[in-house]
C-alpha atoms as a PDB file:
ATOM      1  CA  MET A   1     -60.349 -57.900   6.363  1.00  0.00           C
ATOM      2  CA  ALA A   2     -63.773 -56.676   5.256  1.00  0.00           C
ATOM      3  CA  HIS A   3     -65.180 -55.565   1.918  1.00  0.00           C
ATOM      4  CA  VAL A   4     -66.601 -52.081   2.588  1.00  0.00           C
ATOM      5  CA  LEU A   5     -68.974 -50.237   0.262  1.00  0.00           C
ATOM      6  CA  VAL A   6     -68.661 -46.461   0.709  1.00  0.00           C
ATOM      7  CA  ILE A   7     -71.414 -44.205  -0.639  1.00  0.00           C
ATOM      8  CA  ASP A   8     -70.826 -40.441  -0.649  1.00  0.00           C
ATOM      9  CA  ASP A   9     -71.216 -37.664  -3.224  1.00  0.00           C
ATOM     10  CA  ASP A  10     -68.098 -35.787  -2.047  1.00  0.00           C
ATOM     11  CA  GLU A  11     -65.245 -37.034  -4.227  1.00  0.00           C
ATOM     12  CA  PHE A  12     -62.515 -35.704  -1.917  1.00  0.00           C
ATOM     13  CA  PHE A  13     -64.109 -37.402   1.090  1.00  0.00           C
ATOM     14  CA  LEU A  14     -64.510 -40.671  -0.866  1.00  0.00           C
ATOM     15  CA  GLU A  15     -60.804 -40.690  -1.718  1.00  0.00           C
ATOM     16  CA  MET A  16     -59.782 -39.875   1.860  1.00  0.00           C
ATOM     17  CA  LEU A  17     -62.034 -42.578   3.287  1.00  0.00           C
ATOM     18  CA  GLN A  18     -60.744 -45.081   0.738  1.00  0.00           C
ATOM     19  CA  GLN A  19     -57.172 -44.397   1.866  1.00  0.00           C
ATOM     20  CA  MET A  20     -58.138 -44.789   5.537  1.00  0.00           C
ATOM     21  CA  LEU A  21     -59.798 -48.151   4.816  1.00  0.00           C
ATOM     22  CA  LEU A  22     -56.953 -49.395   2.620  1.00  0.00           C
ATOM     23  CA  LEU A  23     -54.486 -48.631   5.434  1.00  0.00           C
ATOM     24  CA  ASP A  24     -56.363 -51.237   7.478  1.00  0.00           C
ATOM     25  CA  ASN A  25     -56.315 -53.706   4.556  1.00  0.00           C
ATOM     26  CA  HIS A  26     -60.018 -53.506   3.740  1.00  0.00           C
ATOM     27  CA  GLN A  27     -61.314 -54.039   0.221  1.00  0.00           C
ATOM     28  CA  VAL A  28     -63.160 -50.882  -0.821  1.00  0.00           C
ATOM     29  CA  SER A  29     -65.879 -50.131  -3.382  1.00  0.00           C
ATOM     30  CA  LEU A  30     -66.898 -46.491  -3.947  1.00  0.00           C
ATOM     31  CA  LEU A  31     -70.215 -45.093  -5.204  1.00  0.00           C
ATOM     32  CA  LYS A  32     -71.670 -41.569  -5.340  1.00  0.00           C
ATOM     33  CA  ASP A  33     -75.354 -42.007  -4.420  1.00  0.00           C
ATOM     34  CA  GLY A  34     -77.998 -44.403  -3.188  1.00  0.00           C
ATOM     35  CA  ALA A  35     -79.337 -45.191  -6.669  1.00  0.00           C
ATOM     36  CA  GLN A  36     -75.902 -46.381  -7.793  1.00  0.00           C
ATOM     37  CA  ALA A  37     -75.599 -48.382  -4.582  1.00  0.00           C
ATOM     38  CA  LEU A  38     -78.911 -50.204  -5.078  1.00  0.00           C
ATOM     39  CA  ALA A  39     -77.914 -51.176  -8.618  1.00  0.00           C
ATOM     40  CA  TRP A  40     -74.453 -52.309  -7.452  1.00  0.00           C
ATOM     41  CA  LEU A  41     -75.886 -54.288  -4.527  1.00  0.00           C
ATOM     42  CA  ASP A  42     -78.049 -56.264  -6.945  1.00  0.00           C
ATOM     43  CA  GLY A  43     -74.981 -58.313  -7.865  1.00  0.00           C
ATOM     44  CA  ASN A  44     -72.513 -57.666  -5.040  1.00  0.00           C
ATOM     45  CA  ARG A  45     -72.428 -58.356  -1.312  1.00  0.00           C
ATOM     46  CA  PRO A  46     -70.086 -56.218   0.820  1.00  0.00           C
ATOM     47  CA  ASP A  47     -69.437 -56.995   4.475  1.00  0.00           C
ATOM     48  CA  LEU A  48     -70.383 -53.454   5.507  1.00  0.00           C
ATOM     49  CA  ILE A  49     -71.965 -50.339   3.997  1.00  0.00           C
ATOM     50  CA  LEU A  50     -70.840 -46.807   4.933  1.00  0.00           C
ATOM     51  CA  THR A  51     -73.359 -44.295   3.599  1.00  0.00           C
ATOM     52  CA  ASP A  52     -73.629 -40.551   3.704  1.00  0.00           C
ATOM     53  CA  ILE A  53     -77.097 -39.209   4.478  1.00  0.00           C
ATOM     54  CA  LEU A  54     -77.299 -36.114   2.239  1.00  0.00           C
ATOM     55  CA  MET A  55     -76.694 -37.012  -1.421  1.00  0.00           C
ATOM     56  CA  PRO A  56     -78.318 -36.256  -4.786  1.00  0.00           C
ATOM     57  CA  ASN A  57     -80.462 -38.751  -6.751  1.00  0.00           C
ATOM     58  CA  MET A  58     -81.153 -40.966  -3.723  1.00  0.00           C
ATOM     59  CA  ASP A  59     -80.102 -39.916  -0.245  1.00  0.00           C
ATOM     60  CA  GLY A  60     -78.937 -42.181   2.549  1.00  0.00           C
ATOM     61  CA  VAL A  61     -82.293 -42.239   4.346  1.00  0.00           C
ATOM     62  CA  GLU A  62     -84.088 -43.453   1.217  1.00  0.00           C
ATOM     63  CA  LEU A  63     -81.343 -46.027   0.624  1.00  0.00           C
ATOM     64  CA  ILE A  64     -81.647 -47.309   4.199  1.00  0.00           C
ATOM     65  CA  MET A  65     -85.431 -47.650   3.818  1.00  0.00           C
ATOM     66  CA  LYS A  66     -85.111 -49.524   0.513  1.00  0.00           C
ATOM     67  CA  LEU A  67     -82.464 -51.876   1.913  1.00  0.00           C
ATOM     68  CA  SER A  68     -84.718 -52.596   4.873  1.00  0.00           C
ATOM     69  CA  LYS A  69     -87.594 -53.509   2.539  1.00  0.00           C
ATOM     70  CA  LEU A  70     -85.244 -55.801   0.629  1.00  0.00           C
ATOM     71  CA  SER A  71     -84.294 -57.523   3.914  1.00  0.00           C
ATOM     72  CA  ASN A  72     -80.657 -56.633   3.305  1.00  0.00           C
ATOM     73  CA  ASN A  73     -78.921 -57.462   6.593  1.00  0.00           C
ATOM     74  CA  THR A  74     -75.542 -55.978   5.686  1.00  0.00           C
ATOM     75  CA  PRO A  75     -74.320 -53.849   8.607  1.00  0.00           C
ATOM     76  CA  LEU A  76     -74.813 -50.152   7.905  1.00  0.00           C
ATOM     77  CA  VAL A  77     -72.927 -47.134   9.202  1.00  0.00           C
ATOM     78  CA  ALA A  78     -74.551 -43.760   8.515  1.00  0.00           C
ATOM     79  CA  MET A  79     -72.304 -40.703   8.135  1.00  0.00           C
ATOM     80  CA  SER A  80     -73.201 -37.037   8.079  1.00  0.00           C
ATOM     81  CA  GLY A  81     -71.588 -33.654   8.346  1.00  0.00           C
ATOM     82  CA  GLY A  82     -74.896 -31.828   8.081  1.00  0.00           C
ATOM     83  CA  ARG A  83     -75.667 -28.781   5.993  1.00  0.00           C
ATOM     84  CA  ARG A  84     -76.609 -25.190   6.778  1.00  0.00           C
ATOM     85  CA  SER A  85     -80.183 -25.830   7.898  1.00  0.00           C
ATOM     86  CA  ILE A  86     -79.941 -29.539   8.719  1.00  0.00           C
ATOM     87  CA  THR A  87     -77.503 -30.666  11.388  1.00  0.00           C
ATOM     88  CA  SER A  88     -75.530 -33.890  11.347  1.00  0.00           C
ATOM     89  CA  ALA A  89     -77.230 -34.851  14.638  1.00  0.00           C
ATOM     90  CA  PHE A  90     -80.665 -34.609  12.970  1.00  0.00           C
ATOM     91  CA  ASN A  91     -79.480 -36.667   9.986  1.00  0.00           C
ATOM     92  CA  LEU A  92     -77.958 -39.373  12.155  1.00  0.00           C
ATOM     93  CA  GLU A  93     -81.001 -39.510  14.452  1.00  0.00           C
ATOM     94  CA  SER A  94     -83.132 -40.071  11.347  1.00  0.00           C
ATOM     95  CA  ALA A  95     -80.901 -42.995  10.396  1.00  0.00           C
ATOM     96  CA  LYS A  96     -81.156 -44.446  13.914  1.00  0.00           C
ATOM     97  CA  LEU A  97     -84.957 -44.236  13.771  1.00  0.00           C
ATOM     98  CA  LEU A  98     -84.729 -46.423  10.656  1.00  0.00           C
ATOM     99  CA  GLY A  99     -82.705 -49.040  12.540  1.00  0.00           C
ATOM    100  CA  VAL A 100     -79.104 -48.016  11.829  1.00  0.00           C
ATOM    101  CA  LYS A 101     -77.072 -48.891  14.920  1.00  0.00           C
ATOM    102  CA  HIS A 102     -73.774 -47.217  14.021  1.00  0.00           C
ATOM    103  CA  THR A 103     -73.106 -43.618  13.004  1.00  0.00           C
ATOM    104  CA  LEU A 104     -70.187 -41.298  12.354  1.00  0.00           C
ATOM    105  CA  THR A 105     -70.261 -37.508  12.476  1.00  0.00           C
ATOM    106  CA  LYS A 106     -68.058 -35.932   9.809  1.00  0.00           C
ATOM    107  CA  PRO A 107     -65.272 -35.110  10.060  1.00  0.00           C
ATOM    108  CA  PHE A 108     -63.950 -38.155  11.887  1.00  0.00           C
ATOM    109  CA  ASN A 109     -60.498 -39.649  12.331  1.00  0.00           C
ATOM    110  CA  GLN A 110     -58.960 -43.067  11.668  1.00  0.00           C
ATOM    111  CA  ALA A 111     -59.493 -44.186  15.276  1.00  0.00           C
ATOM    112  CA  ALA A 112     -63.225 -43.369  15.190  1.00  0.00           C
ATOM    113  CA  LEU A 113     -63.569 -45.209  11.877  1.00  0.00           C
ATOM    114  CA  ARG A 114     -61.773 -48.269  13.244  1.00  0.00           C
ATOM    115  CA  ASP A 115     -63.963 -48.294  16.358  1.00  0.00           C
ATOM    116  CA  VAL A 116     -67.240 -48.133  14.456  1.00  0.00           C
ATOM    117  CA  LEU A 117     -66.119 -50.774  11.960  1.00  0.00           C
ATOM    118  CA  ARG A 118     -65.106 -53.104  14.790  1.00  0.00           C
ATOM    119  CA  GLU A 119     -68.504 -52.656  16.460  1.00  0.00           C
ATOM    120  CA  ALA A 120     -70.523 -52.970  13.249  1.00  0.00           C
ATOM    121  CA  LEU A 121     -68.703 -56.091  12.061  1.00  0.00           C
ATOM    122  CA  ALA A 122     -68.793 -57.861  15.454  1.00  0.00           C
END
């Protein structure tokens, strides 16, 4: 199976997503923001990156832009549940404008996760 890097500032969501991925026998690495992810990616190469859009320190949009400049071709899946004034649709459209091909709207279920992983890793 794949090595999946998950980046999200919500600890409960990180744990839930880790369990969903482990059920499908993926190797999982967890980080809480884009800055941590950039540092981690300097010495590691996952098969896929799942990143939230709204996070402190460095959000998902900034991370996506930096990875693009670094010519990092690791498949990316952007996730968002939105916030009061910013919808998940707006966040995910922003990611798509930056070249992200696969997105997930939070909350999502195991089947939706499996589908997007299958597409992204194909």
